Structure formats: C-alpha cells, structure tokens
Amino acid sequence: MGEKKQKEDSKPVFVFGKKNYKFMFIGLVIIALGFILMSGGGSDDPNVFNPDIFSWRRIRLAPTLVLIGFGIQIYAILLNPDKKS
C-alpha cells in the first residue's frame, strides 16, 4: 500500500523550467542558422579558386550568430525560472 502511494505522489521533476527550454530552443535555432549561413562557397574544381568563401556572410555574420546562440544557451542554463520579478 505504501509503494502505491509513493508512485502516485511522485511526478517527474525536470531540471529546467518551461522558460529555460524556450530559450534553449531559440539558441539552438540561431546556432543552426549560423552554421547554415557558413556553409557553401566551395568550388567543384580544386584547381579553380572561388573568392566567395571570403564573403562577409561567411566570415562575419555566421560566426557572430553562432556565438550569440551559444550566449543564449548559457543564459538559458543559468536562468532561474522560479525567481519572481
């Protein structure tokens, strides 16, 4: 009888709150977008140089988005959802 009562009372406890998971998802989307923007620019022929690999999008924008995404991930981990403002 005691085991049945314990099973009914024990709910799954998540490490993070709903707000934390939202920020984590947003961070993952931004990181993925950064890596997508970083891809491409290669050449099919290895003897031909393609200067498009040094475009502003691949050198500045994409790594910045990845770093911002990692920053959001850190914020999501450190965010305390129980704190009342």
C-alpha atoms as a PDB file:
ATOM      1  CA  MET A   1       0.000   0.000   0.000  1.00  0.00           C
ATOM      2  CA  GLY A   2       2.891   2.371   0.784  1.00  0.00           C
ATOM      3  CA  GLU A   3       4.552   1.833  -2.618  1.00  0.00           C
ATOM      4  CA  LYS A   4       1.359   2.669  -4.467  1.00  0.00           C
ATOM      5  CA  LYS A   5       1.048   5.953  -2.571  1.00  0.00           C
ATOM      6  CA  GLN A   6       4.659   6.889  -3.395  1.00  0.00           C
ATOM      7  CA  LYS A   7       4.153   6.185  -7.112  1.00  0.00           C
ATOM      8  CA  GLU A   8       1.047   8.379  -7.216  1.00  0.00           C
ATOM      9  CA  ASP A   9       2.769  11.252  -5.414  1.00  0.00           C
ATOM     10  CA  SER A  10       5.997  11.213  -7.436  1.00  0.00           C
ATOM     11  CA  LYS A  11       5.720  13.407 -10.507  1.00  0.00           C
ATOM     12  CA  PRO A  12       8.566  13.729 -12.996  1.00  0.00           C
ATOM     13  CA  VAL A  13      10.792  16.596 -11.930  1.00  0.00           C
ATOM     14  CA  PHE A  14      12.541  18.443 -14.754  1.00  0.00           C
ATOM     15  CA  VAL A  15      15.858  20.160 -14.206  1.00  0.00           C
ATOM     16  CA  PHE A  16      14.789  23.285 -16.098  1.00  0.00           C
ATOM     17  CA  GLY A  17      11.538  25.166 -16.361  1.00  0.00           C
ATOM     18  CA  LYS A  18       9.464  25.901 -19.441  1.00  0.00           C
ATOM     19  CA  LYS A  19      11.123  29.293 -19.883  1.00  0.00           C
ATOM     20  CA  ASN A  20      14.586  27.688 -19.884  1.00  0.00           C
ATOM     21  CA  TYR A  21      13.630  25.242 -22.614  1.00  0.00           C
ATOM     22  CA  LYS A  22      12.199  28.044 -24.766  1.00  0.00           C
ATOM     23  CA  PHE A  23      15.481  29.953 -24.588  1.00  0.00           C
ATOM     24  CA  MET A  24      17.446  26.756 -25.293  1.00  0.00           C
ATOM     25  CA  PHE A  25      15.370  26.096 -28.397  1.00  0.00           C
ATOM     26  CA  ILE A  26      15.844  29.678 -29.596  1.00  0.00           C
ATOM     27  CA  GLY A  27      19.615  29.349 -29.040  1.00  0.00           C
ATOM     28  CA  LEU A  28      19.750  26.087 -30.987  1.00  0.00           C
ATOM     29  CA  VAL A  29      17.862  27.635 -33.908  1.00  0.00           C
ATOM     30  CA  ILE A  30      20.270  30.593 -34.013  1.00  0.00           C
ATOM     31  CA  ILE A  31      23.311  28.278 -33.862  1.00  0.00           C
ATOM     32  CA  ALA A  32      21.883  26.142 -36.677  1.00  0.00           C
ATOM     33  CA  LEU A  33      21.181  29.251 -38.752  1.00  0.00           C
ATOM     34  CA  GLY A  34      24.783  30.386 -38.237  1.00  0.00           C
ATOM     35  CA  PHE A  35      26.163  27.065 -39.448  1.00  0.00           C
ATOM     36  CA  ILE A  36      23.820  27.057 -42.439  1.00  0.00           C
ATOM     37  CA  LEU A  37      24.985  30.545 -43.420  1.00  0.00           C
ATOM     38  CA  MET A  38      28.608  29.431 -43.009  1.00  0.00           C
ATOM     39  CA  SER A  39      28.270  26.529 -45.441  1.00  0.00           C
ATOM     40  CA  GLY A  40      28.904  26.646 -49.177  1.00  0.00           C
ATOM     41  CA  GLY A  41      31.202  28.795 -51.229  1.00  0.00           C
ATOM     42  CA  GLY A  42      33.399  25.953 -52.370  1.00  0.00           C
ATOM     43  CA  SER A  43      34.422  25.052 -55.864  1.00  0.00           C
ATOM     44  CA  ASP A  44      33.714  21.847 -57.771  1.00  0.00           C
ATOM     45  CA  ASP A  45      37.120  22.000 -59.410  1.00  0.00           C
ATOM     46  CA  PRO A  46      40.029  22.006 -56.912  1.00  0.00           C
ATOM     47  CA  ASN A  47      42.209  23.884 -59.413  1.00  0.00           C
ATOM     48  CA  VAL A  48      39.838  26.867 -59.518  1.00  0.00           C
ATOM     49  CA  PHE A  49      39.833  29.362 -56.636  1.00  0.00           C
ATOM     50  CA  ASN A  50      36.452  30.733 -55.589  1.00  0.00           C
ATOM     51  CA  PRO A  51      36.764  34.023 -53.638  1.00  0.00           C
ATOM     52  CA  ASP A  52      33.173  33.635 -52.429  1.00  0.00           C
ATOM     53  CA  ILE A  53      34.459  31.691 -49.399  1.00  0.00           C
ATOM     54  CA  PHE A  54      35.682  35.018 -48.017  1.00  0.00           C
ATOM     55  CA  SER A  55      32.296  36.744 -48.250  1.00  0.00           C
ATOM     56  CA  TRP A  56      31.033  38.942 -45.419  1.00  0.00           C
ATOM     57  CA  ARG A  57      28.271  36.457 -44.661  1.00  0.00           C
ATOM     58  CA  ARG A  58      30.682  33.552 -44.068  1.00  0.00           C
ATOM     59  CA  ILE A  59      33.425  35.492 -42.285  1.00  0.00           C
ATOM     60  CA  ARG A  60      31.465  37.921 -40.075  1.00  0.00           C
ATOM     61  CA  LEU A  61      27.741  37.165 -39.891  1.00  0.00           C
ATOM     62  CA  ALA A  62      27.691  33.380 -39.469  1.00  0.00           C
ATOM     63  CA  PRO A  63      30.305  33.124 -36.672  1.00  0.00           C
ATOM     64  CA  THR A  64      28.639  36.034 -34.873  1.00  0.00           C
ATOM     65  CA  LEU A  65      25.298  34.237 -34.986  1.00  0.00           C
ATOM     66  CA  VAL A  66      26.893  31.061 -33.639  1.00  0.00           C
ATOM     67  CA  LEU A  67      28.470  32.956 -30.745  1.00  0.00           C
ATOM     68  CA  ILE A  68      25.196  34.738 -29.968  1.00  0.00           C
ATOM     69  CA  GLY A  69      23.446  31.358 -29.994  1.00  0.00           C
ATOM     70  CA  PHE A  70      25.959  29.952 -27.515  1.00  0.00           C
ATOM     71  CA  GLY A  71      25.445  33.030 -25.342  1.00  0.00           C
ATOM     72  CA  ILE A  72      21.697  32.417 -25.347  1.00  0.00           C
ATOM     73  CA  GLN A  73      22.328  28.786 -24.391  1.00  0.00           C
ATOM     74  CA  ILE A  74      24.431  29.855 -21.413  1.00  0.00           C
ATOM     75  CA  TYR A  75      21.747  32.350 -20.392  1.00  0.00           C
ATOM     76  CA  ALA A  76      19.083  29.617 -20.657  1.00  0.00           C
ATOM     77  CA  ILE A  77      21.077  27.302 -18.408  1.00  0.00           C
ATOM     78  CA  LEU A  78      21.720  29.984 -15.791  1.00  0.00           C
ATOM     79  CA  LEU A  79      18.166  31.402 -15.880  1.00  0.00           C
ATOM     80  CA  ASN A  80      16.211  30.794 -12.695  1.00  0.00           C
ATOM     81  CA  PRO A  81      12.554  30.235 -13.699  1.00  0.00           C
ATOM     82  CA  ASP A  82      11.317  30.229 -10.084  1.00  0.00           C
ATOM     83  CA  LYS A  83      12.543  33.752  -9.403  1.00  0.00           C
ATOM     84  CA  LYS A  84       9.692  36.222  -9.052  1.00  0.00           C
ATOM     85  CA  SER A  85      10.363  39.637 -10.580  1.00  0.00           C
END
